[in-house]
Amino acid sequence: MRLGFALALLLLPLIPGTALARVGAVPAKVWSQLGQSHWIAQGNGARVLYVIFDPNCPYCHVLIDELQPLIKPMHLQVRYLLVGFLDPGSSQEKAAYILQAKDPLAAILENEKKFNMEHFGGVPEVLPDARSEKILKDNLALLTSIGQKIVPTMIYPEKDGSYQVVQKALGPNSLRDVLKGIPEQAKNLPAQ
């Protein structure tokens, strides 16, 4: 199973929407839009990191998995925004399951725990209700406004007041470097 997963990761750049792409600045208005969007928080640290992901994205799975042991010691609040476009047959339905769950964060973690490269991996698929459809549409529009429809996408503030976007897979050391560079925000972070 591990060999199959590794082989699939090698082939991922050939799948639209998962290509390793972009690192750069984003306008402050994007950061403001992120704060007003529908996100699911993990952690209550003062360093805010937005992660836009698709429940069927292998690179997203790797990122979320690598973030888990770093959230508490690095004082992170990871704000997950769901999109559902990679697999027309199940991405939206899995995203809907997460959004409609009583505990959406637990549903994200369940998806990661059960994730595999098969269509049936992760969480169950449900039809999106009107609220979930709107959230997914709005989140996808926000992702597209950044420049490229690629997941995972990380957006975070820099100490100089700018905002950065990373639309590519990072190795563990590069990820730690990015997280260390995120300044601590005011203690009164907006709740959702």
Foldseek 3Di string as FASTA:
>chain_A
DVVVQVVVVVCVCVQPQANFDDKDFDDVVLVVVVLVADWAKDAQFQFEKEWEAFLLHPLQLVVVVLCVVVCVVLRYIYTYQYAADRDVVARLQLQQCLVPDPRNVVLSVQQSVQDDNDPPTGDDGDDHDPVSVVSNVSSQVSCVVRPGNHPTKMWGAFPVGTIMIGRGRDDSVVVVVVSNRGDGHDSCRDDD
